[in-house]
Amino acid sequence: MRILWLLIGMLALALGLIGIVTPILPTVPFLLLSAFCFSRSSERLHNWLITHPKYGPPINAWRERGAINARIKRISSASMLASVLLALLLNLPYLVIAAQTVAMSLAALFIWTRPDA
C-alpha cells in the first residue's frame, strides 16, 4: 500500500509543479494531496515537502488554520472567471457554461470563506 501512496504522491507533486507554470492546473491542492500521500508512504519526502521554503508554507497554513493566501485567492478567482469567459467566447452550450459557472462559484465561495494565510 505504501507504494500506491508514493505513486499517487509523486503524480500529485508533478501535477502541482506543472500547475506553477500553467494557469489551468491548481498548484496548492496537488501539493496538499502529495503531502497527504507522502505522510503515508515516505517520511523523507513528506519532511522535504513541508519544510520546503516555497511549497511548505501554503501546506502548513492549510494544515494549521485552513488558511489560503489572499494573493492565491485573487489568482484563483481570476482564473475561474477567465475560464468562464473563455467558454462564452468559444460559444459552448448553455448547459456547459451554466454548470461551469455554478461549480466555479461554489469553489470561489469556499476559497473566499477560508482565513487569509
PDB file of N, CA and C in Angstrom:
ATOM      1  N   MET A   1       0.816  -1.194   0.000  1.00  0.00           N
ATOM      2  CA  MET A   1       0.000   0.000   0.000  1.00  0.00           C
ATOM      3  C   MET A   1       0.864   1.263   0.000  1.00  0.00           C
ATOM      4  N   ARG A   2       2.044   1.174   0.656  1.00  0.00           N
ATOM      5  CA  ARG A   2       2.933   2.342   0.686  1.00  0.00           C
ATOM      6  C   ARG A   2       3.373   2.742  -0.716  1.00  0.00           C
ATOM      7  N   ILE A   3       3.560   1.761  -1.587  1.00  0.00           N
ATOM      8  CA  ILE A   3       3.975   2.054  -2.967  1.00  0.00           C
ATOM      9  C   ILE A   3       2.873   2.838  -3.687  1.00  0.00           C
ATOM     10  N   LEU A   4       1.618   2.446  -3.475  1.00  0.00           N
ATOM     11  CA  LEU A   4       0.497   3.155  -4.101  1.00  0.00           C
ATOM     12  C   LEU A   4       0.431   4.598  -3.609  1.00  0.00           C
ATOM     13  N   TRP A   5       0.560   4.804  -2.290  1.00  0.00           N
ATOM     14  CA  TRP A   5       0.563   6.168  -1.751  1.00  0.00           C
ATOM     15  C   TRP A   5       1.721   6.977  -2.326  1.00  0.00           C
ATOM     16  N   LEU A   6       2.885   6.343  -2.458  1.00  0.00           N
ATOM     17  CA  LEU A   6       4.053   7.024  -3.008  1.00  0.00           C
ATOM     18  C   LEU A   6       3.817   7.428  -4.464  1.00  0.00           C
ATOM     19  N   LEU A   7       3.251   6.527  -5.255  1.00  0.00           N
ATOM     20  CA  LEU A   7       2.988   6.833  -6.665  1.00  0.00           C
ATOM     21  C   LEU A   7       1.958   7.951  -6.810  1.00  0.00           C
ATOM     22  N   ILE A   8       0.909   7.906  -6.019  1.00  0.00           N
ATOM     23  CA  ILE A   8      -0.096   8.968  -6.072  1.00  0.00           C
ATOM     24  C   ILE A   8       0.522  10.293  -5.625  1.00  0.00           C
ATOM     25  N   GLY A   9       1.355  10.245  -4.591  1.00  0.00           N
ATOM     26  CA  GLY A   9       2.040  11.446  -4.117  1.00  0.00           C
ATOM     27  C   GLY A   9       2.953  12.036  -5.169  1.00  0.00           C
ATOM     28  N   MET A  10       3.689  11.194  -5.869  1.00  0.00           N
ATOM     29  CA  MET A  10       4.588  11.674  -6.925  1.00  0.00           C
ATOM     30  C   MET A  10       3.789  12.282  -8.074  1.00  0.00           C
ATOM     31  N   LEU A  11       2.682  11.636  -8.454  1.00  0.00           N
ATOM     32  CA  LEU A  11       1.835  12.172  -9.520  1.00  0.00           C
ATOM     33  C   LEU A  11       1.252  13.521  -9.108  1.00  0.00           C
ATOM     34  N   ALA A  12       0.762  13.609  -7.879  1.00  0.00           N
ATOM     35  CA  ALA A  12       0.199  14.871  -7.388  1.00  0.00           C
ATOM     36  C   ALA A  12       1.269  15.962  -7.342  1.00  0.00           C
ATOM     37  N   LEU A  13       2.462  15.611  -6.912  1.00  0.00           N
ATOM     38  CA  LEU A  13       3.549  16.588  -6.873  1.00  0.00           C
ATOM     39  C   LEU A  13       3.890  17.062  -8.284  1.00  0.00           C
ATOM     40  N   ALA A  14       3.968  16.140  -9.224  1.00  0.00           N
ATOM     41  CA  ALA A  14       4.256  16.519 -10.614  1.00  0.00           C
ATOM     42  C   ALA A  14       3.175  17.455 -11.156  1.00  0.00           C
ATOM     43  N   LEU A  15       1.903  17.133 -10.902  1.00  0.00           N
ATOM     44  CA  LEU A  15       0.816  17.995 -11.364  1.00  0.00           C
ATOM     45  C   LEU A  15       0.879  19.362 -10.687  1.00  0.00           C
ATOM     46  N   GLY A  16       1.221  19.378  -9.411  1.00  0.00           N
ATOM     47  CA  GLY A  16       1.358  20.644  -8.699  1.00  0.00           C
ATOM     48  C   GLY A  16       2.477  21.500  -9.263  1.00  0.00           C
ATOM     49  N   LEU A  17       3.594  20.869  -9.604  1.00  0.00           N
ATOM     50  CA  LEU A  17       4.717  21.612 -10.175  1.00  0.00           C
ATOM     51  C   LEU A  17       4.372  22.123 -11.578  1.00  0.00           C
ATOM     52  N   ILE A  18       3.642  21.333 -12.343  1.00  0.00           N
ATOM     53  CA  ILE A  18       3.175  21.797 -13.655  1.00  0.00           C
ATOM     54  C   ILE A  18       2.221  22.973 -13.467  1.00  0.00           C
ATOM     55  N   GLY A  19       1.418  22.915 -12.407  1.00  0.00           N
ATOM     56  CA  GLY A  19       0.466  23.986 -12.126  1.00  0.00           C
ATOM     57  C   GLY A  19       1.117  25.325 -11.821  1.00  0.00           C
ATOM     58  N   ILE A  20       2.376  25.312 -11.449  1.00  0.00           N
ATOM     59  CA  ILE A  20       3.088  26.566 -11.194  1.00  0.00           C
ATOM     60  C   ILE A  20       3.199  27.387 -12.475  1.00  0.00           C
ATOM     61  N   VAL A  21       3.408  26.716 -13.591  1.00  0.00           N
ATOM     62  CA  VAL A  21       3.625  27.428 -14.853  1.00  0.00           C
ATOM     63  C   VAL A  21       2.417  27.434 -15.785  1.00  0.00           C
ATOM     64  N   THR A  22       1.376  26.700 -15.433  1.00  0.00           N
ATOM     65  CA  THR A  22       0.168  26.695 -16.264  1.00  0.00           C
ATOM     66  C   THR A  22      -1.015  27.185 -15.440  1.00  0.00           C
ATOM     67  N   PRO A  23      -1.783  28.113 -15.993  1.00  0.00           N
ATOM     68  CA  PRO A  23      -2.914  28.649 -15.226  1.00  0.00           C
ATOM     69  C   PRO A  23      -4.082  27.671 -15.106  1.00  0.00           C
ATOM     70  N   ILE A  24      -4.071  26.598 -15.863  1.00  0.00           N
ATOM     71  CA  ILE A  24      -5.198  25.670 -15.853  1.00  0.00           C
ATOM     72  C   ILE A  24      -5.165  24.757 -14.631  1.00  0.00           C
ATOM     73  N   LEU A  25      -3.982  24.302 -14.259  1.00  0.00           N
ATOM     74  CA  LEU A  25      -3.854  23.385 -13.122  1.00  0.00           C
ATOM     75  C   LEU A  25      -3.612  24.157 -11.826  1.00  0.00           C
ATOM     76  N   PRO A  26      -4.355  23.807 -10.786  1.00  0.00           N
ATOM     77  CA  PRO A  26      -4.071  24.439  -9.493  1.00  0.00           C
ATOM     78  C   PRO A  26      -2.821  23.814  -8.872  1.00  0.00           C
ATOM     79  N   THR A  27      -2.073  24.596  -8.147  1.00  0.00           N
ATOM     80  CA  THR A  27      -0.843  24.091  -7.543  1.00  0.00           C
ATOM     81  C   THR A  27      -1.064  23.558  -6.132  1.00  0.00           C
ATOM     82  N   VAL A  28      -1.616  24.390  -5.264  1.00  0.00           N
ATOM     83  CA  VAL A  28      -1.693  24.045  -3.841  1.00  0.00           C
ATOM     84  C   VAL A  28      -2.528  22.789  -3.566  1.00  0.00           C
ATOM     85  N   PRO A  29      -3.691  22.596  -4.200  1.00  0.00           N
ATOM     86  CA  PRO A  29      -4.422  21.344  -3.908  1.00  0.00           C
ATOM     87  C   PRO A  29      -3.602  20.095  -4.221  1.00  0.00           C
ATOM     88  N   PHE A  30      -2.820  20.141  -5.294  1.00  0.00           N
ATOM     89  CA  PHE A  30      -1.972  18.990  -5.607  1.00  0.00           C
ATOM     90  C   PHE A  30      -0.825  18.849  -4.611  1.00  0.00           C
ATOM     91  N   LEU A  31      -0.296  19.969  -4.117  1.00  0.00           N
ATOM     92  CA  LEU A  31       0.743  19.888  -3.089  1.00  0.00           C
ATOM     93  C   LEU A  31       0.169  19.326  -1.783  1.00  0.00           C
ATOM     94  N   LEU A  32      -1.055  19.729  -1.456  1.00  0.00           N
ATOM     95  CA  LEU A  32      -1.706  19.177  -0.258  1.00  0.00           C
ATOM     96  C   LEU A  32      -1.907  17.671  -0.392  1.00  0.00           C
ATOM     97  N   LEU A  33      -2.359  17.253  -1.566  1.00  0.00           N
ATOM     98  CA  LEU A  33      -2.551  15.817  -1.806  1.00  0.00           C
ATOM     99  C   LEU A  33      -1.228  15.074  -1.727  1.00  0.00           C
ATOM    100  N   SER A  34      -0.183  15.646  -2.314  1.00  0.00           N
ATOM    101  CA  SER A  34       1.107  14.957  -2.261  1.00  0.00           C
ATOM    102  C   SER A  34       1.633  14.870  -0.828  1.00  0.00           C
ATOM    103  N   ALA A  35       1.447  15.922  -0.037  1.00  0.00           N
ATOM    104  CA  ALA A  35       1.881  15.870   1.366  1.00  0.00           C
ATOM    105  C   ALA A  35       1.113  14.783   2.115  1.00  0.00           C
ATOM    106  N   PHE A  36      -0.184  14.686   1.866  1.00  0.00           N
ATOM    107  CA  PHE A  36      -1.001  13.646   2.500  1.00  0.00           C
ATOM    108  C   PHE A  36      -0.486  12.259   2.107  1.00  0.00           C
ATOM    109  N   CYS A  37      -0.254  12.055   0.816  1.00  0.00           N
ATOM    110  CA  CYS A  37       0.215  10.750   0.344  1.00  0.00           C
ATOM    111  C   CYS A  37       1.607  10.422   0.877  1.00  0.00           C
ATOM    112  N   PHE A  38       2.492  11.414   0.871  1.00  0.00           N
ATOM    113  CA  PHE A  38       3.843  11.180   1.382  1.00  0.00           C
ATOM    114  C   PHE A  38       3.834  10.888   2.877  1.00  0.00           C
ATOM    115  N   SER A  39       2.872  11.452   3.613  1.00  0.00           N
ATOM    116  CA  SER A  39       2.805  11.170   5.052  1.00  0.00           C
ATOM    117  C   SER A  39       2.488   9.702   5.307  1.00  0.00           C
ATOM    118  N   ARG A  40       1.938   9.028   4.307  1.00  0.00           N
ATOM    119  CA  ARG A  40       1.609   7.619   4.436  1.00  0.00           C
ATOM    120  C   ARG A  40       2.603   6.701   3.734  1.00  0.00           C
ATOM    121  N   SER A  41       3.585   7.303   3.038  1.00  0.00           N
ATOM    122  CA  SER A  41       4.477   6.452   2.268  1.00  0.00           C
ATOM    123  C   SER A  41       5.956   6.744   2.475  1.00  0.00           C
ATOM    124  N   SER A  42       6.330   8.011   2.646  1.00  0.00           N
ATOM    125  CA  SER A  42       7.742   8.355   2.725  1.00  0.00           C
ATOM    126  C   SER A  42       7.948   9.537   3.666  1.00  0.00           C
ATOM    127  N   GLU A  43       8.471   9.240   4.837  1.00  0.00           N
ATOM    128  CA  GLU A  43       8.731  10.302   5.808  1.00  0.00           C
ATOM    129  C   GLU A  43       9.723  11.319   5.253  1.00  0.00           C
ATOM    130  N   ARG A  44      10.710  10.841   4.500  1.00  0.00           N
ATOM    131  CA  ARG A  44      11.720  11.722   3.928  1.00  0.00           C
ATOM    132  C   ARG A  44      11.101  12.711   2.942  1.00  0.00           C
ATOM    133  N   LEU A  45      10.275  12.226   2.014  1.00  0.00           N
ATOM    134  CA  LEU A  45       9.629  13.121   1.050  1.00  0.00           C
ATOM    135  C   LEU A  45       8.622  14.045   1.729  1.00  0.00           C
ATOM    136  N   HIS A  46       7.918  13.523   2.713  1.00  0.00           N
ATOM    137  CA  HIS A  46       6.954  14.344   3.445  1.00  0.00           C
ATOM    138  C   HIS A  46       7.669  15.502   4.139  1.00  0.00           C
ATOM    139  N   ASN A  47       8.749  15.193   4.832  1.00  0.00           N
ATOM    140  CA  ASN A  47       9.513  16.243   5.519  1.00  0.00           C
ATOM    141  C   ASN A  47      10.115  17.241   4.540  1.00  0.00           C
ATOM    142  N   TRP A  48      10.606  16.747   3.397  1.00  0.00           N
ATOM    143  CA  TRP A  48      11.152  17.647   2.383  1.00  0.00           C
ATOM    144  C   TRP A  48      10.077  18.626   1.908  1.00  0.00           C
ATOM    145  N   LEU A  49       8.887  18.100   1.652  1.00  0.00           N
ATOM    146  CA  LEU A  49       7.819  18.936   1.103  1.00  0.00           C
ATOM    147  C   LEU A  49       7.327  19.966   2.112  1.00  0.00           C
ATOM    148  N   ILE A  50       7.085  19.560   3.344  1.00  0.00           N
ATOM    149  CA  ILE A  50       6.529  20.512   4.312  1.00  0.00           C
ATOM    150  C   ILE A  50       7.558  21.504   4.854  1.00  0.00           C
ATOM    151  N   THR A  51       8.846  21.217   4.657  1.00  0.00           N
ATOM    152  CA  THR A  51       9.871  22.173   5.083  1.00  0.00           C
ATOM    153  C   THR A  51      10.461  22.954   3.908  1.00  0.00           C
ATOM    154  N   HIS A  52       9.993  22.678   2.705  1.00  0.00           N
ATOM    155  CA  HIS A  52      10.488  23.384   1.524  1.00  0.00           C
ATOM    156  C   HIS A  52      10.145  24.868   1.656  1.00  0.00           C
ATOM    157  N   PRO A  53      11.094  25.772   1.373  1.00  0.00           N
ATOM    158  CA  PRO A  53      10.831  27.204   1.567  1.00  0.00           C
ATOM    159  C   PRO A  53       9.707  27.759   0.688  1.00  0.00           C
ATOM    160  N   LYS A  54       9.482  27.185  -0.469  1.00  0.00           N
ATOM    161  CA  LYS A  54       8.442  27.689  -1.382  1.00  0.00           C
ATOM    162  C   LYS A  54       7.120  26.923  -1.221  1.00  0.00           C
ATOM    163  N   TYR A  55       7.182  25.611  -1.141  1.00  0.00           N
ATOM    164  CA  TYR A  55       5.977  24.776  -1.132  1.00  0.00           C
ATOM    165  C   TYR A  55       5.449  24.489   0.266  1.00  0.00           C
ATOM    166  N   GLY A  56       6.307  24.556   1.266  1.00  0.00           N
ATOM    167  CA  GLY A  56       5.907  24.245   2.630  1.00  0.00           C
ATOM    168  C   GLY A  56       4.923  25.227   3.253  1.00  0.00           C
ATOM    169  N   PRO A  57       5.141  26.537   3.121  1.00  0.00           N
ATOM    170  CA  PRO A  57       4.241  27.483   3.790  1.00  0.00           C
ATOM    171  C   PRO A  57       2.746  27.343   3.448  1.00  0.00           C
ATOM    172  N   PRO A  58       2.361  27.186   2.163  1.00  0.00           N
ATOM    173  CA  PRO A  58       0.926  27.034   1.920  1.00  0.00           C
ATOM    174  C   PRO A  58       0.363  25.727   2.485  1.00  0.00           C
ATOM    175  N   ILE A  59       1.175  24.684   2.485  1.00  0.00           N
ATOM    176  CA  ILE A  59       0.725  23.405   3.047  1.00  0.00           C
ATOM    177  C   ILE A  59       0.523  23.556   4.547  1.00  0.00           C
ATOM    178  N   ASN A  60       1.490  24.160   5.231  1.00  0.00           N
ATOM    179  CA  ASN A  60       1.394  24.321   6.678  1.00  0.00           C
ATOM    180  C   ASN A  60       0.285  25.288   7.080  1.00  0.00           C
ATOM    181  N   ALA A  61       0.074  26.338   6.279  1.00  0.00           N
ATOM    182  CA  ALA A  61      -1.027  27.276   6.572  1.00  0.00           C
ATOM    183  C   ALA A  61      -2.366  26.561   6.482  1.00  0.00           C
ATOM    184  N   TRP A  62      -2.505  25.698   5.493  1.00  0.00           N
ATOM    185  CA  TRP A  62      -3.753  24.952   5.345  1.00  0.00           C
ATOM    186  C   TRP A  62      -3.921  23.962   6.499  1.00  0.00           C
ATOM    187  N   ARG A  63      -2.858  23.255   6.827  1.00  0.00           N
ATOM    188  CA  ARG A  63      -2.927  22.256   7.896  1.00  0.00           C
ATOM    189  C   ARG A  63      -3.241  22.881   9.258  1.00  0.00           C
ATOM    190  N   GLU A  64      -2.612  23.995   9.541  1.00  0.00           N
ATOM    191  CA  GLU A  64      -2.732  24.600  10.864  1.00  0.00           C
ATOM    192  C   GLU A  64      -4.010  25.412  11.039  1.00  0.00           C
ATOM    193  N   ARG A  65      -4.422  26.150   9.997  1.00  0.00           N
ATOM    194  CA  ARG A  65      -5.557  27.063  10.151  1.00  0.00           C
ATOM    195  C   ARG A  65      -6.600  26.955   9.056  1.00  0.00           C
ATOM    196  N   GLY A  66      -6.388  26.070   8.079  1.00  0.00           N
ATOM    197  CA  GLY A  66      -7.293  26.019   6.939  1.00  0.00           C
ATOM    198  C   GLY A  66      -7.232  27.308   6.142  1.00  0.00           C
ATOM    199  N   ALA A  67      -6.049  27.945   6.126  1.00  0.00           N
ATOM    200  CA  ALA A  67      -5.884  29.275   5.542  1.00  0.00           C
ATOM    201  C   ALA A  67      -5.336  29.206   4.122  1.00  0.00           C
ATOM    202  N   ILE A  68      -5.750  30.201   3.323  1.00  0.00           N
ATOM    203  CA  ILE A  68      -5.276  30.350   1.946  1.00  0.00           C
ATOM    204  C   ILE A  68      -4.778  31.779   1.785  1.00  0.00           C
ATOM    205  N   ASN A  69      -3.623  31.929   1.167  1.00  0.00           N
ATOM    206  CA  ASN A  69      -3.021  33.241   0.933  1.00  0.00           C
ATOM    207  C   ASN A  69      -3.964  34.111   0.101  1.00  0.00           C
ATOM    208  N   ALA A  70      -4.096  35.384   0.472  1.00  0.00           N
ATOM    209  CA  ALA A  70      -5.007  36.306  -0.228  1.00  0.00           C
ATOM    210  C   ALA A  70      -4.634  36.458  -1.699  1.00  0.00           C
ATOM    211  N   ARG A  71      -3.353  36.479  -1.992  1.00  0.00           N
ATOM    212  CA  ARG A  71      -2.914  36.579  -3.395  1.00  0.00           C
ATOM    213  C   ARG A  71      -3.392  35.371  -4.191  1.00  0.00           C
ATOM    214  N   ILE A  72      -3.305  34.193  -3.600  1.00  0.00           N
ATOM    215  CA  ILE A  72      -3.749  32.966  -4.262  1.00  0.00           C
ATOM    216  C   ILE A  72      -5.267  32.992  -4.454  1.00  0.00           C
ATOM    217  N   LYS A  73      -5.985  33.552  -3.492  1.00  0.00           N
ATOM    218  CA  LYS A  73      -7.439  33.688  -3.649  1.00  0.00           C
ATOM    219  C   LYS A  73      -7.773  34.540  -4.863  1.00  0.00           C
ATOM    220  N   ARG A  74      -7.060  35.645  -5.016  1.00  0.00           N
ATOM    221  CA  ARG A  74      -7.313  36.536  -6.160  1.00  0.00           C
ATOM    222  C   ARG A  74      -6.955  35.854  -7.484  1.00  0.00           C
ATOM    223  N   ILE A  75      -5.823  35.184  -7.516  1.00  0.00           N
ATOM    224  CA  ILE A  75      -5.399  34.488  -8.736  1.00  0.00           C
ATOM    225  C   ILE A  75      -6.395  33.382  -9.087  1.00  0.00           C
ATOM    226  N   SER A  76      -6.831  32.634  -8.092  1.00  0.00           N
ATOM    227  CA  SER A  76      -7.801  31.558  -8.330  1.00  0.00           C
ATOM    228  C   SER A  76      -9.106  32.114  -8.883  1.00  0.00           C
ATOM    229  N   SER A  77      -9.580  33.183  -8.283  1.00  0.00           N
ATOM    230  CA  SER A  77     -10.835  33.786  -8.737  1.00  0.00           C
ATOM    231  C   SER A  77     -10.710  34.316 -10.159  1.00  0.00           C
ATOM    232  N   ALA A  78      -9.594  34.956 -10.454  1.00  0.00           N
ATOM    233  CA  ALA A  78      -9.375  35.481 -11.806  1.00  0.00           C
ATOM    234  C   ALA A  78      -9.294  34.343 -12.824  1.00  0.00           C
ATOM    235  N   SER A  79      -8.658  33.245 -12.454  1.00  0.00           N
ATOM    236  CA  SER A  79      -8.559  32.092 -13.353  1.00  0.00           C
ATOM    237  C   SER A  79      -9.930  31.482 -13.607  1.00  0.00           C
ATOM    238  N   MET A  80     -10.735  31.386 -12.553  1.00  0.00           N
ATOM    239  CA  MET A  80     -12.084  30.833 -12.729  1.00  0.00           C
ATOM    240  C   MET A  80     -12.922  31.733 -13.626  1.00  0.00           C
ATOM    241  N   LEU A  81     -12.841  33.029 -13.412  1.00  0.00           N
ATOM    242  CA  LEU A  81     -13.580  33.973 -14.250  1.00  0.00           C
ATOM    243  C   LEU A  81     -13.109  33.880 -15.701  1.00  0.00           C
ATOM    244  N   ALA A  82     -11.802  33.789 -15.890  1.00  0.00           N
ATOM    245  CA  ALA A  82     -11.254  33.688 -17.244  1.00  0.00           C
ATOM    246  C   ALA A  82     -11.743  32.424 -17.947  1.00  0.00           C
ATOM    247  N   SER A  83     -11.859  31.322 -17.218  1.00  0.00           N
ATOM    248  CA  SER A  83     -12.308  30.089 -17.862  1.00  0.00           C
ATOM    249  C   SER A  83     -13.783  30.166 -18.258  1.00  0.00           C
ATOM    250  N   VAL A  84     -14.597  30.849 -17.458  1.00  0.00           N
ATOM    251  CA  VAL A  84     -15.999  31.042 -17.831  1.00  0.00           C
ATOM    252  C   VAL A  84     -16.085  31.965 -19.047  1.00  0.00           C
ATOM    253  N   LEU A  85     -15.300  33.038 -19.054  1.00  0.00           N
ATOM    254  CA  LEU A  85     -15.290  33.938 -20.206  1.00  0.00           C
ATOM    255  C   LEU A  85     -14.814  33.234 -21.470  1.00  0.00           C
ATOM    256  N   LEU A  86     -13.830  32.362 -21.335  1.00  0.00           N
ATOM    257  CA  LEU A  86     -13.353  31.588 -22.480  1.00  0.00           C
ATOM    258  C   LEU A  86     -14.457  30.676 -23.007  1.00  0.00           C
ATOM    259  N   ALA A  87     -15.188  30.049 -22.099  1.00  0.00           N
ATOM    260  CA  ALA A  87     -16.304  29.194 -22.515  1.00  0.00           C
ATOM    261  C   ALA A  87     -17.345  30.007 -23.276  1.00  0.00           C
ATOM    262  N   LEU A  88     -17.596  31.229 -22.829  1.00  0.00           N
ATOM    263  CA  LEU A  88     -18.537  32.101 -23.540  1.00  0.00           C
ATOM    264  C   LEU A  88     -17.996  32.471 -24.924  1.00  0.00           C
ATOM    265  N   LEU A  89     -16.706  32.808 -24.992  1.00  0.00           N
ATOM    266  CA  LEU A  89     -16.093  33.159 -26.275  1.00  0.00           C
ATOM    267  C   LEU A  89     -16.097  31.990 -27.255  1.00  0.00           C
ATOM    268  N   LEU A  90     -15.950  30.796 -26.730  1.00  0.00           N
ATOM    269  CA  LEU A  90     -15.958  29.594 -27.575  1.00  0.00           C
ATOM    270  C   LEU A  90     -17.371  29.157 -27.940  1.00  0.00           C
ATOM    271  N   ASN A  91     -18.343  29.892 -27.384  1.00  0.00           N
ATOM    272  CA  ASN A  91     -19.748  29.612 -27.676  1.00  0.00           C
ATOM    273  C   ASN A  91     -20.135  28.171 -27.312  1.00  0.00           C
ATOM    274  N   LEU A  92     -19.679  27.746 -26.145  1.00  0.00           N
ATOM    275  CA  LEU A  92     -20.023  26.406 -25.668  1.00  0.00           C
ATOM    276  C   LEU A  92     -21.511  26.349 -25.337  1.00  0.00           C
ATOM    277  N   PRO A  93     -22.084  25.147 -25.274  1.00  0.00           N
ATOM    278  CA  PRO A  93     -23.515  25.030 -24.971  1.00  0.00           C
ATOM    279  C   PRO A  93     -23.866  25.690 -23.629  1.00  0.00           C
ATOM    280  N   TYR A  94     -25.058  26.228 -23.576  1.00  0.00           N
ATOM    281  CA  TYR A  94     -25.537  26.944 -22.397  1.00  0.00           C
ATOM    282  C   TYR A  94     -25.425  26.102 -21.131  1.00  0.00           C
ATOM    283  N   LEU A  95     -25.805  24.838 -21.208  1.00  0.00           N
ATOM    284  CA  LEU A  95     -25.756  23.989 -20.006  1.00  0.00           C
ATOM    285  C   LEU A  95     -24.329  23.788 -19.504  1.00  0.00           C
ATOM    286  N   VAL A  96     -23.388  23.718 -20.421  1.00  0.00           N
ATOM    287  CA  VAL A  96     -21.986  23.566 -20.027  1.00  0.00           C
ATOM    288  C   VAL A  96     -21.525  24.827 -19.286  1.00  0.00           C
ATOM    289  N   ILE A  97     -21.852  25.977 -19.838  1.00  0.00           N
ATOM    290  CA  ILE A  97     -21.452  27.245 -19.213  1.00  0.00           C
ATOM    291  C   ILE A  97     -22.148  27.414 -17.862  1.00  0.00           C
ATOM    292  N   ALA A  98     -23.425  27.043 -17.795  1.00  0.00           N
ATOM    293  CA  ALA A  98     -24.161  27.159 -16.531  1.00  0.00           C
ATOM    294  C   ALA A  98     -23.558  26.240 -15.467  1.00  0.00           C
ATOM    295  N   ALA A  99     -23.253  25.008 -15.841  1.00  0.00           N
ATOM    296  CA  ALA A  99     -22.657  24.065 -14.889  1.00  0.00           C
ATOM    297  C   ALA A  99     -21.285  24.554 -14.437  1.00  0.00           C
ATOM    298  N   GLN A 100     -20.515  25.061 -15.388  1.00  0.00           N
ATOM    299  CA  GLN A 100     -19.188  25.587 -15.060  1.00  0.00           C
ATOM    300  C   GLN A 100     -19.303  26.781 -14.120  1.00  0.00           C
ATOM    301  N   THR A 101     -20.251  27.661 -14.396  1.00  0.00           N
ATOM    302  CA  THR A 101     -20.431  28.854 -13.562  1.00  0.00           C
ATOM    303  C   THR A 101     -20.835  28.476 -12.140  1.00  0.00           C
ATOM    304  N   VAL A 102     -21.736  27.523 -12.016  1.00  0.00           N
ATOM    305  CA  VAL A 102     -22.152  27.076 -10.677  1.00  0.00           C
ATOM    306  C   VAL A 102     -20.973  26.454  -9.931  1.00  0.00           C
ATOM    307  N   ALA A 103     -20.240  25.558 -10.600  1.00  0.00           N
ATOM    308  CA  ALA A 103     -19.100  24.892  -9.960  1.00  0.00           C
ATOM    309  C   ALA A 103     -18.027  25.903  -9.552  1.00  0.00           C
ATOM    310  N   MET A 104     -17.726  26.834 -10.445  1.00  0.00           N
ATOM    311  CA  MET A 104     -16.708  27.835 -10.145  1.00  0.00           C
ATOM    312  C   MET A 104     -17.168  28.771  -9.024  1.00  0.00           C
ATOM    313  N   SER A 105     -18.441  29.106  -9.009  1.00  0.00           N
ATOM    314  CA  SER A 105     -18.964  29.968  -7.941  1.00  0.00           C
ATOM    315  C   SER A 105     -18.866  29.284  -6.588  1.00  0.00           C
ATOM    316  N   LEU A 106     -19.195  28.004  -6.542  1.00  0.00           N
ATOM    317  CA  LEU A 106     -19.078  27.261  -5.283  1.00  0.00           C
ATOM    318  C   LEU A 106     -17.615  27.151  -4.844  1.00  0.00           C
ATOM    319  N   ALA A 107     -16.725  26.920  -5.795  1.00  0.00           N
ATOM    320  CA  ALA A 107     -15.296  26.862  -5.468  1.00  0.00           C
ATOM    321  C   ALA A 107     -14.811  28.209  -4.941  1.00  0.00           C
ATOM    322  N   ALA A 108     -15.225  29.291  -5.603  1.00  0.00           N
ATOM    323  CA  ALA A 108     -14.815  30.630  -5.151  1.00  0.00           C
ATOM    324  C   ALA A 108     -15.375  30.937  -3.764  1.00  0.00           C
ATOM    325  N   LEU A 109     -16.615  30.539  -3.524  1.00  0.00           N
ATOM    326  CA  LEU A 109     -17.213  30.742  -2.200  1.00  0.00           C
ATOM    327  C   LEU A 109     -16.394  30.014  -1.133  1.00  0.00           C
ATOM    328  N   PHE A 110     -16.018  28.780  -1.422  1.00  0.00           N
ATOM    329  CA  PHE A 110     -15.210  28.024  -0.476  1.00  0.00           C
ATOM    330  C   PHE A 110     -13.874  28.733  -0.229  1.00  0.00           C
ATOM    331  N   ILE A 111     -13.215  29.136  -1.304  1.00  0.00           N
ATOM    332  CA  ILE A 111     -11.902  29.778  -1.187  1.00  0.00           C
ATOM    333  C   ILE A 111     -11.985  31.063  -0.363  1.00  0.00           C
ATOM    334  N   TRP A 112     -12.988  31.910  -0.662  1.00  0.00           N
ATOM    335  CA  TRP A 112     -13.063  33.208  -0.002  1.00  0.00           C
ATOM    336  C   TRP A 112     -13.593  33.134   1.424  1.00  0.00           C
ATOM    337  N   THR A 113     -14.141  31.994   1.834  1.00  0.00           N
ATOM    338  CA  THR A 113     -14.569  31.854   3.229  1.00  0.00           C
ATOM    339  C   THR A 113     -13.459  31.267   4.110  1.00  0.00           C
ATOM    340  N   ARG A 114     -12.323  30.916   3.526  1.00  0.00           N
ATOM    341  CA  ARG A 114     -11.170  30.437   4.301  1.00  0.00           C
ATOM    342  C   ARG A 114     -10.430  31.659   4.857  1.00  0.00           C
ATOM    343  N   PRO A 115      -9.799  31.507   6.008  1.00  0.00           N
ATOM    344  CA  PRO A 115      -8.999  32.610   6.553  1.00  0.00           C
ATOM    345  C   PRO A 115      -7.793  32.903   5.648  1.00  0.00           C
ATOM    346  N   ASP A 116      -7.305  34.133   5.736  1.00  0.00           N
ATOM    347  CA  ASP A 116      -6.107  34.516   4.994  1.00  0.00           C
ATOM    348  C   ASP A 116      -4.867  33.964   5.677  1.00  0.00           C
ATOM    349  N   ALA A 117      -3.948  33.481   4.842  1.00  0.00           N
ATOM    350  CA  ALA A 117      -2.689  32.936   5.366  1.00  0.00           C
ATOM    351  C   ALA A 117      -1.726  34.066   5.650  1.00  0.00           C
TER     352      ALA A 117
END
